Amino acid sequence: MILLAMGFVGPGKNRLIDELGIELDSKGNVRADAKHMTNKEGLFVAGDMTSGQSLAVRAIGDGRKAARGIAAYLK
């Protein structure tokens, strides 16, 4: 499990994102479903990676939603 909390403004050009084949939306953010899973099964994302720069409070809430998505996936 890898969890990164970096406080930045979005994914930008990233070799890891390219190598994993993670899909981006039209704004260049990582595309995720309602449970915060990317197009790669078992790989979840939240916060600035999905929405761009935002408030810490929103990122915390987004992280909690992603955690619920991960828990559902693991069940």
PDB file of N, CA and C in Angstrom:
ATOM      1  N   MET A   1       0.849  -1.168   0.000  1.00  0.00           N
ATOM      2  CA  MET A   1       0.000   0.000   0.000  1.00  0.00           C
ATOM      3  C   MET A   1       0.896   1.233   0.000  1.00  0.00           C
ATOM      4  N   ILE A   2       0.549   2.175  -0.854  1.00  0.00           N
ATOM      5  CA  ILE A   2       1.281   3.436  -0.907  1.00  0.00           C
ATOM      6  C   ILE A   2       0.291   4.565  -0.712  1.00  0.00           C
ATOM      7  N   LEU A   3       0.522   5.413   0.265  1.00  0.00           N
ATOM      8  CA  LEU A   3      -0.297   6.595   0.498  1.00  0.00           C
ATOM      9  C   LEU A   3       0.613   7.810   0.451  1.00  0.00           C
ATOM     10  N   LEU A   4       0.300   8.748  -0.413  1.00  0.00           N
ATOM     11  CA  LEU A   4       1.081   9.979  -0.515  1.00  0.00           C
ATOM     12  C   LEU A   4       0.184  11.158  -0.181  1.00  0.00           C
ATOM     13  N   ALA A   5       0.621  11.991   0.732  1.00  0.00           N
ATOM     14  CA  ALA A   5      -0.087  13.232   1.051  1.00  0.00           C
ATOM     15  C   ALA A   5       0.916  14.348   0.818  1.00  0.00           C
ATOM     16  N   MET A   6       0.853  14.953  -0.361  1.00  0.00           N
ATOM     17  CA  MET A   6       1.930  15.848  -0.763  1.00  0.00           C
ATOM     18  C   MET A   6       1.529  17.314  -0.855  1.00  0.00           C
ATOM     19  N   GLY A   7       0.242  17.616  -0.867  1.00  0.00           N
ATOM     20  CA  GLY A   7      -0.191  19.003  -0.918  1.00  0.00           C
ATOM     21  C   GLY A   7       0.293  19.754  -2.136  1.00  0.00           C
ATOM     22  N   PHE A   8      -0.050  19.276  -3.321  1.00  0.00           N
ATOM     23  CA  PHE A   8       0.359  19.948  -4.538  1.00  0.00           C
ATOM     24  C   PHE A   8      -0.851  20.210  -5.416  1.00  0.00           C
ATOM     25  N   VAL A   9      -0.648  20.721  -6.587  1.00  0.00           N
ATOM     26  CA  VAL A   9      -1.754  21.205  -7.410  1.00  0.00           C
ATOM     27  C   VAL A   9      -2.223  20.241  -8.504  1.00  0.00           C
ATOM     28  N   GLY A  10      -1.918  18.992  -8.392  1.00  0.00           N
ATOM     29  CA  GLY A  10      -2.375  18.025  -9.385  1.00  0.00           C
ATOM     30  C   GLY A  10      -1.232  17.162  -9.869  1.00  0.00           C
ATOM     31  N   PRO A  11      -1.528  16.191 -10.701  1.00  0.00           N
ATOM     32  CA  PRO A  11      -0.510  15.226 -11.095  1.00  0.00           C
ATOM     33  C   PRO A  11       0.542  15.750 -12.061  1.00  0.00           C
ATOM     34  N   GLY A  12       0.197  16.686 -12.945  1.00  0.00           N
ATOM     35  CA  GLY A  12       1.168  17.140 -13.938  1.00  0.00           C
ATOM     36  C   GLY A  12       1.721  15.980 -14.746  1.00  0.00           C
ATOM     37  N   LYS A  13       2.802  16.222 -15.458  1.00  0.00           N
ATOM     38  CA  LYS A  13       3.463  15.135 -16.187  1.00  0.00           C
ATOM     39  C   LYS A  13       4.229  14.306 -15.181  1.00  0.00           C
ATOM     40  N   ASN A  14       3.964  13.013 -15.179  1.00  0.00           N
ATOM     41  CA  ASN A  14       4.544  12.139 -14.176  1.00  0.00           C
ATOM     42  C   ASN A  14       4.879  10.809 -14.825  1.00  0.00           C
ATOM     43  N   ARG A  15       6.099  10.395 -14.712  1.00  0.00           N
ATOM     44  CA  ARG A  15       6.551   9.151 -15.341  1.00  0.00           C
ATOM     45  C   ARG A  15       5.788   7.946 -14.805  1.00  0.00           C
ATOM     46  N   LEU A  16       5.515   7.914 -13.493  1.00  0.00           N
ATOM     47  CA  LEU A  16       4.803   6.784 -12.903  1.00  0.00           C
ATOM     48  C   LEU A  16       3.384   6.678 -13.462  1.00  0.00           C
ATOM     49  N   ILE A  17       2.703   7.813 -13.577  1.00  0.00           N
ATOM     50  CA  ILE A  17       1.352   7.819 -14.145  1.00  0.00           C
ATOM     51  C   ILE A  17       1.398   7.295 -15.582  1.00  0.00           C
ATOM     52  N   ASP A  18       2.384   7.737 -16.344  1.00  0.00           N
ATOM     53  CA  ASP A  18       2.530   7.279 -17.731  1.00  0.00           C
ATOM     54  C   ASP A  18       2.832   5.787 -17.793  1.00  0.00           C
ATOM     55  N   GLU A  19       3.763   5.313 -16.960  1.00  0.00           N
ATOM     56  CA  GLU A  19       4.160   3.900 -16.986  1.00  0.00           C
ATOM     57  C   GLU A  19       3.028   2.974 -16.576  1.00  0.00           C
ATOM     58  N   LEU A  20       2.200   3.429 -15.632  1.00  0.00           N
ATOM     59  CA  LEU A  20       1.088   2.600 -15.178  1.00  0.00           C
ATOM     60  C   LEU A  20      -0.110   2.674 -16.117  1.00  0.00           C
ATOM     61  N   GLY A  21      -0.102   3.630 -17.038  1.00  0.00           N
ATOM     62  CA  GLY A  21      -1.210   3.781 -17.973  1.00  0.00           C
ATOM     63  C   GLY A  21      -2.460   4.323 -17.314  1.00  0.00           C
ATOM     64  N   ILE A  22      -2.280   5.173 -16.314  1.00  0.00           N
ATOM     65  CA  ILE A  22      -3.414   5.756 -15.601  1.00  0.00           C
ATOM     66  C   ILE A  22      -4.051   6.825 -16.478  1.00  0.00           C
ATOM     67  N   GLU A  23      -5.376   6.757 -16.606  1.00  0.00           N
ATOM     68  CA  GLU A  23      -6.102   7.709 -17.443  1.00  0.00           C
ATOM     69  C   GLU A  23      -6.259   9.058 -16.746  1.00  0.00           C
ATOM     70  N   LEU A  24      -6.138  10.115 -17.524  1.00  0.00           N
ATOM     71  CA  LEU A  24      -6.347  11.472 -17.036  1.00  0.00           C
ATOM     72  C   LEU A  24      -7.613  12.034 -17.655  1.00  0.00           C
ATOM     73  N   ASP A  25      -8.228  13.009 -16.961  1.00  0.00           N
ATOM     74  CA  ASP A  25      -9.402  13.667 -17.532  1.00  0.00           C
ATOM     75  C   ASP A  25      -8.956  14.826 -18.426  1.00  0.00           C
ATOM     76  N   SER A  26      -9.912  15.580 -18.944  1.00  0.00           N
ATOM     77  CA  SER A  26      -9.595  16.668 -19.871  1.00  0.00           C
ATOM     78  C   SER A  26      -8.794  17.803 -19.220  1.00  0.00           C
ATOM     79  N   LYS A  27      -8.824  17.885 -17.889  1.00  0.00           N
ATOM     80  CA  LYS A  27      -8.068  18.917 -17.164  1.00  0.00           C
ATOM     81  C   LYS A  27      -6.679  18.432 -16.752  1.00  0.00           C
ATOM     82  N   GLY A  28      -6.362  17.173 -17.040  1.00  0.00           N
ATOM     83  CA  GLY A  28      -5.057  16.618 -16.679  1.00  0.00           C
ATOM     84  C   GLY A  28      -5.017  16.000 -15.298  1.00  0.00           C
ATOM     85  N   ASN A  29      -6.180  15.870 -14.658  1.00  0.00           N
ATOM     86  CA  ASN A  29      -6.249  15.210 -13.355  1.00  0.00           C
ATOM     87  C   ASN A  29      -6.480  13.719 -13.560  1.00  0.00           C
ATOM     88  N   VAL A  30      -6.122  12.921 -12.553  1.00  0.00           N
ATOM     89  CA  VAL A  30      -6.324  11.479 -12.644  1.00  0.00           C
ATOM     90  C   VAL A  30      -7.824  11.193 -12.640  1.00  0.00           C
ATOM     91  N   ARG A  31      -8.263  10.395 -13.597  1.00  0.00           N
ATOM     92  CA  ARG A  31      -9.675  10.008 -13.699  1.00  0.00           C
ATOM     93  C   ARG A  31      -9.932   8.875 -12.699  1.00  0.00           C
ATOM     94  N   ALA A  32     -11.033   8.998 -11.944  1.00  0.00           N
ATOM     95  CA  ALA A  32     -11.407   7.970 -10.966  1.00  0.00           C
ATOM     96  C   ALA A  32     -12.918   7.806 -10.960  1.00  0.00           C
ATOM     97  N   ASP A  33     -13.364   6.631 -10.539  1.00  0.00           N
ATOM     98  CA  ASP A  33     -14.807   6.388 -10.462  1.00  0.00           C
ATOM     99  C   ASP A  33     -15.356   6.922  -9.139  1.00  0.00           C
ATOM    100  N   ALA A  34     -16.621   6.644  -8.859  1.00  0.00           N
ATOM    101  CA  ALA A  34     -17.276   7.165  -7.660  1.00  0.00           C
ATOM    102  C   ALA A  34     -16.640   6.649  -6.368  1.00  0.00           C
ATOM    103  N   LYS A  35     -15.947   5.513  -6.443  1.00  0.00           N
ATOM    104  CA  LYS A  35     -15.276   4.961  -5.264  1.00  0.00           C
ATOM    105  C   LYS A  35     -13.799   5.324  -5.237  1.00  0.00           C
ATOM    106  N   HIS A  36     -13.399   6.212  -6.133  1.00  0.00           N
ATOM    107  CA  HIS A  36     -12.036   6.740  -6.227  1.00  0.00           C
ATOM    108  C   HIS A  36     -11.023   5.746  -6.796  1.00  0.00           C
ATOM    109  N   MET A  37     -11.493   4.705  -7.491  1.00  0.00           N
ATOM    110  CA  MET A  37     -10.564   3.780  -8.140  1.00  0.00           C
ATOM    111  C   MET A  37     -10.239   4.310  -9.536  1.00  0.00           C
ATOM    112  N   THR A  38      -8.974   4.240  -9.906  1.00  0.00           N
ATOM    113  CA  THR A  38      -8.539   4.644 -11.236  1.00  0.00           C
ATOM    114  C   THR A  38      -8.913   3.557 -12.238  1.00  0.00           C
ATOM    115  N   ASN A  39      -8.478   3.716 -13.464  1.00  0.00           N
ATOM    116  CA  ASN A  39      -8.736   2.689 -14.473  1.00  0.00           C
ATOM    117  C   ASN A  39      -7.921   1.420 -14.218  1.00  0.00           C
ATOM    118  N   LYS A  40      -7.002   1.471 -13.269  1.00  0.00           N
ATOM    119  CA  LYS A  40      -6.229   0.290 -12.884  1.00  0.00           C
ATOM    120  C   LYS A  40      -6.855  -0.318 -11.637  1.00  0.00           C
ATOM    121  N   GLU A  41      -7.372  -1.536 -11.754  1.00  0.00           N
ATOM    122  CA  GLU A  41      -8.049  -2.175 -10.637  1.00  0.00           C
ATOM    123  C   GLU A  41      -7.163  -2.199  -9.396  1.00  0.00           C
ATOM    124  N   GLY A  42      -7.738  -1.750  -8.271  1.00  0.00           N
ATOM    125  CA  GLY A  42      -7.026  -1.753  -6.998  1.00  0.00           C
ATOM    126  C   GLY A  42      -6.163  -0.528  -6.755  1.00  0.00           C
ATOM    127  N   LEU A  43      -6.147   0.414  -7.690  1.00  0.00           N
ATOM    128  CA  LEU A  43      -5.351   1.634  -7.540  1.00  0.00           C
ATOM    129  C   LEU A  43      -6.298   2.814  -7.343  1.00  0.00           C
ATOM    130  N   PHE A  44      -6.227   3.415  -6.166  1.00  0.00           N
ATOM    131  CA  PHE A  44      -7.152   4.475  -5.773  1.00  0.00           C
ATOM    132  C   PHE A  44      -6.429   5.806  -5.680  1.00  0.00           C
ATOM    133  N   VAL A  45      -7.201   6.887  -5.802  1.00  0.00           N
ATOM    134  CA  VAL A  45      -6.635   8.230  -5.787  1.00  0.00           C
ATOM    135  C   VAL A  45      -7.647   9.187  -5.155  1.00  0.00           C
ATOM    136  N   ALA A  46      -7.143  10.281  -4.572  1.00  0.00           N
ATOM    137  CA  ALA A  46      -8.037  11.274  -3.959  1.00  0.00           C
ATOM    138  C   ALA A  46      -7.336  12.620  -3.912  1.00  0.00           C
ATOM    139  N   GLY A  47      -8.074  13.627  -3.517  1.00  0.00           N
ATOM    140  CA  GLY A  47      -7.504  14.957  -3.303  1.00  0.00           C
ATOM    141  C   GLY A  47      -7.106  15.644  -4.593  1.00  0.00           C
ATOM    142  N   ASP A  48      -5.992  16.394  -4.528  1.00  0.00           N
ATOM    143  CA  ASP A  48      -5.530  17.196  -5.659  1.00  0.00           C
ATOM    144  C   ASP A  48      -5.311  16.376  -6.927  1.00  0.00           C
ATOM    145  N   MET A  49      -5.004  15.103  -6.778  1.00  0.00           N
ATOM    146  CA  MET A  49      -4.771  14.260  -7.954  1.00  0.00           C
ATOM    147  C   MET A  49      -6.021  14.132  -8.813  1.00  0.00           C
ATOM    148  N   THR A  50      -7.201  14.232  -8.187  1.00  0.00           N
ATOM    149  CA  THR A  50      -8.442  14.081  -8.946  1.00  0.00           C
ATOM    150  C   THR A  50      -9.152  15.394  -9.239  1.00  0.00           C
ATOM    151  N   SER A  51      -8.860  16.424  -8.449  1.00  0.00           N
ATOM    152  CA  SER A  51      -9.618  17.665  -8.608  1.00  0.00           C
ATOM    153  C   SER A  51      -8.762  18.897  -8.868  1.00  0.00           C
ATOM    154  N   GLY A  52      -7.461  18.759  -8.793  1.00  0.00           N
ATOM    155  CA  GLY A  52      -6.595  19.926  -8.873  1.00  0.00           C
ATOM    156  C   GLY A  52      -6.512  20.602  -7.512  1.00  0.00           C
ATOM    157  N   GLN A  53      -5.873  21.727  -7.465  1.00  0.00           N
ATOM    158  CA  GLN A  53      -5.652  22.425  -6.206  1.00  0.00           C
ATOM    159  C   GLN A  53      -6.971  22.734  -5.511  1.00  0.00           C
ATOM    160  N   SER A  54      -7.024  22.453  -4.216  1.00  0.00           N
ATOM    161  CA  SER A  54      -8.240  22.683  -3.454  1.00  0.00           C
ATOM    162  C   SER A  54      -7.878  22.896  -1.991  1.00  0.00           C
ATOM    163  N   LEU A  55      -8.895  23.036  -1.171  1.00  0.00           N
ATOM    164  CA  LEU A  55      -8.702  23.241   0.260  1.00  0.00           C
ATOM    165  C   LEU A  55      -8.347  21.939   0.961  1.00  0.00           C
ATOM    166  N   ALA A  56      -7.598  22.040   2.060  1.00  0.00           N
ATOM    167  CA  ALA A  56      -7.222  20.862   2.840  1.00  0.00           C
ATOM    168  C   ALA A  56      -8.461  20.130   3.350  1.00  0.00           C
ATOM    169  N   VAL A  57      -9.483  20.868   3.734  1.00  0.00           N
ATOM    170  CA  VAL A  57     -10.712  20.249   4.235  1.00  0.00           C
ATOM    171  C   VAL A  57     -11.334  19.357   3.165  1.00  0.00           C
ATOM    172  N   ARG A  58     -11.347  19.824   1.934  1.00  0.00           N
ATOM    173  CA  ARG A  58     -11.894  19.011   0.845  1.00  0.00           C
ATOM    174  C   ARG A  58     -11.035  17.765   0.631  1.00  0.00           C
ATOM    175  N   ALA A  59      -9.724  17.916   0.698  1.00  0.00           N
ATOM    176  CA  ALA A  59      -8.824  16.774   0.515  1.00  0.00           C
ATOM    177  C   ALA A  59      -9.036  15.730   1.609  1.00  0.00           C
ATOM    178  N   ILE A  60      -9.264  16.176   2.833  1.00  0.00           N
ATOM    179  CA  ILE A  60      -9.525  15.241   3.933  1.00  0.00           C
ATOM    180  C   ILE A  60     -10.809  14.457   3.658  1.00  0.00           C
ATOM    181  N   GLY A  61     -11.865  15.155   3.269  1.00  0.00           N
ATOM    182  CA  GLY A  61     -13.119  14.485   2.953  1.00  0.00           C
ATOM    183  C   GLY A  61     -12.975  13.535   1.785  1.00  0.00           C
ATOM    184  N   ASP A  62     -12.224  13.957   0.778  1.00  0.00           N
ATOM    185  CA  ASP A  62     -11.983  13.118  -0.386  1.00  0.00           C
ATOM    186  C   ASP A  62     -11.202  11.869   0.007  1.00  0.00           C
ATOM    187  N   GLY A  63     -10.236  12.021   0.884  1.00  0.00           N
ATOM    188  CA  GLY A  63      -9.462  10.882   1.379  1.00  0.00           C
ATOM    189  C   GLY A  63     -10.335   9.889   2.123  1.00  0.00           C
ATOM    190  N   ARG A  64     -11.266  10.408   2.897  1.00  0.00           N
ATOM    191  CA  ARG A  64     -12.193   9.523   3.621  1.00  0.00           C
ATOM    192  C   ARG A  64     -13.083   8.754   2.656  1.00  0.00           C
ATOM    193  N   LYS A  65     -13.555   9.423   1.602  1.00  0.00           N
ATOM    194  CA  LYS A  65     -14.363   8.735   0.593  1.00  0.00           C
ATOM    195  C   LYS A  65     -13.540   7.654  -0.103  1.00  0.00           C
ATOM    196  N   ALA A  66     -12.291   7.972  -0.401  1.00  0.00           N
ATOM    197  CA  ALA A  66     -11.416   6.985  -1.039  1.00  0.00           C
ATOM    198  C   ALA A  66     -11.202   5.793  -0.105  1.00  0.00           C
ATOM    199  N   ALA A  67     -11.033   6.058   1.189  1.00  0.00           N
ATOM    200  CA  ALA A  67     -10.842   4.973   2.158  1.00  0.00           C
ATOM    201  C   ALA A  67     -12.065   4.052   2.176  1.00  0.00           C
ATOM    202  N   ARG A  68     -13.268   4.626   2.089  1.00  0.00           N
ATOM    203  CA  ARG A  68     -14.476   3.789   2.031  1.00  0.00           C
ATOM    204  C   ARG A  68     -14.486   2.967   0.741  1.00  0.00           C
ATOM    205  N   GLY A  69     -14.050   3.569  -0.369  1.00  0.00           N
ATOM    206  CA  GLY A  69     -13.970   2.826  -1.629  1.00  0.00           C
ATOM    207  C   GLY A  69     -12.974   1.683  -1.547  1.00  0.00           C
ATOM    208  N   ILE A  70     -11.847   1.938  -0.903  1.00  0.00           N
ATOM    209  CA  ILE A  70     -10.826   0.888  -0.732  1.00  0.00           C
ATOM    210  C   ILE A  70     -11.369  -0.240   0.138  1.00  0.00           C
ATOM    211  N   ALA A  71     -12.029   0.125   1.236  1.00  0.00           N
ATOM    212  CA  ALA A  71     -12.593  -0.888   2.131  1.00  0.00           C
ATOM    213  C   ALA A  71     -13.612  -1.749   1.382  1.00  0.00           C
ATOM    214  N   ALA A  72     -14.462  -1.124   0.597  1.00  0.00           N
ATOM    215  CA  ALA A  72     -15.453  -1.880  -0.179  1.00  0.00           C
ATOM    216  C   ALA A  72     -14.765  -2.810  -1.174  1.00  0.00           C
ATOM    217  N   TYR A  73     -13.711  -2.326  -1.801  1.00  0.00           N
ATOM    218  CA  TYR A  73     -12.955  -3.126  -2.779  1.00  0.00           C
ATOM    219  C   TYR A  73     -12.338  -4.349  -2.103  1.00  0.00           C
ATOM    220  N   LEU A  74     -11.786  -4.169  -0.906  1.00  0.00           N
ATOM    221  CA  LEU A  74     -11.123  -5.261  -0.200  1.00  0.00           C
ATOM    222  C   LEU A  74     -12.089  -6.299   0.346  1.00  0.00           C
ATOM    223  N   LYS A  75     -13.353  -5.896   0.546  1.00  0.00           N
ATOM    224  CA  LYS A  75     -14.355  -6.853   1.025  1.00  0.00           C
ATOM    225  C   LYS A  75     -14.757  -7.732  -0.120  1.00  0.00           C
TER     226      LYS A  75
END
